[in-house]
Amino acid sequence: MGVKKVSGKTHSKEQLDNWANQNNPNNKAYKANLDNHANQMNPKKKTHGQIHNSQRRYKDQMMPDWAPDYIEYDD
């Protein structure tokens, strides 16, 4: 894999610094990116949404155990 280049002519100093941080193996942003990528590629790792939905997906529909009696009207 080749190293990509970022030009100082087309990017601000802040953009250059951000790119350098994200591509430096000793930087925490670089390590965090690797961890996030590894977690996304792990089929056993569930996202927050998957965990949340698994807790409610197979529950019975919310039906009350009782219902009020309604008056029957005769015509």
Protein backbone atom coordinates (compact mmCIF):
# COMPACT_ATOMS: atom_id res chain seq x y z
CA MET A 1 0.00 0.00 0.00
CA GLY A 2 1.50 3.30 -1.05
CA VAL A 3 1.59 6.42 1.03
CA LYS A 4 -0.85 9.08 -0.09
CA LYS A 5 0.36 12.64 -0.31
CA VAL A 6 -1.41 15.77 0.82
CA SER A 7 -0.33 19.07 -0.66
CA GLY A 8 0.20 22.21 1.40
CA LYS A 9 -0.91 24.16 -1.67
CA THR A 10 -4.43 22.72 -1.54
CA HIS A 11 -4.85 22.14 2.21
CA SER A 12 -4.70 24.33 5.31
CA LYS A 13 -2.16 23.80 8.10
CA GLU A 14 -4.93 22.34 10.27
CA GLN A 15 -5.92 19.87 7.53
CA LEU A 16 -2.28 18.83 7.08
CA ASP A 17 -1.89 18.30 10.83
CA ASN A 18 -5.08 16.24 11.00
CA TRP A 19 -3.97 14.06 8.09
CA ALA A 20 -0.55 13.55 9.68
CA ASN A 21 -2.11 12.56 13.01
CA GLN A 22 -4.47 10.06 11.40
CA ASN A 23 -1.64 8.44 9.44
CA ASN A 24 0.97 8.27 12.21
CA PRO A 25 1.08 4.80 13.86
CA ASN A 26 2.18 6.38 17.17
CA ASN A 27 -0.85 8.66 17.34
CA LYS A 28 -4.02 7.85 19.30
CA ALA A 29 -6.22 8.97 16.36
CA TYR A 30 -4.50 6.37 14.17
CA LYS A 31 -4.94 3.63 16.80
CA ALA A 32 -8.57 4.59 17.38
CA ASN A 33 -9.25 4.35 13.65
CA LEU A 34 -7.71 0.86 13.54
CA ASP A 35 -9.79 -0.23 16.55
CA ASN A 36 -12.99 1.10 15.03
CA HIS A 37 -12.27 -0.64 11.74
CA ALA A 38 -11.51 -3.93 13.51
CA ASN A 39 -14.74 -3.70 15.50
CA GLN A 40 -16.76 -3.06 12.35
CA MET A 41 -15.21 -6.08 10.64
CA ASN A 42 -15.91 -8.40 13.59
CA PRO A 43 -19.19 -10.23 12.88
CA LYS A 44 -19.63 -11.08 16.57
CA LYS A 45 -19.44 -7.45 17.66
CA LYS A 46 -22.92 -5.93 17.86
CA THR A 47 -23.57 -2.25 17.42
CA HIS A 48 -25.57 -0.25 19.92
CA GLY A 49 -28.58 -0.35 17.59
CA GLN A 50 -28.39 -4.11 17.15
CA ILE A 51 -28.24 -4.65 20.91
CA HIS A 52 -31.15 -2.27 21.47
CA ASN A 53 -33.31 -3.87 18.78
CA SER A 54 -32.52 -7.40 19.93
CA GLN A 55 -34.00 -6.54 23.29
CA ARG A 56 -37.31 -5.47 21.80
CA ARG A 57 -37.62 -7.23 18.43
CA TYR A 58 -39.20 -10.49 19.60
CA LYS A 59 -41.32 -9.13 22.41
CA ASP A 60 -45.07 -9.61 22.13
CA GLN A 61 -47.01 -6.63 21.03
CA MET A 62 -47.78 -4.37 23.88
CA MET A 63 -51.30 -5.47 24.82
CA PRO A 64 -52.76 -4.70 28.20
CA ASP A 65 -53.78 -7.62 30.38
CA TRP A 66 -57.18 -6.06 30.80
CA ALA A 67 -59.46 -3.71 28.94
CA PRO A 68 -62.21 -1.49 30.31
CA ASP A 69 -65.79 -2.67 29.92
CA TYR A 70 -67.77 -0.59 27.50
CA ILE A 71 -71.45 0.06 27.91
CA GLU A 72 -73.57 -1.75 25.36
CA TYR A 73 -76.11 0.51 23.79
CA ASP A 74 -79.36 -0.91 22.47
CA ASP A 75 -81.03 0.78 19.55
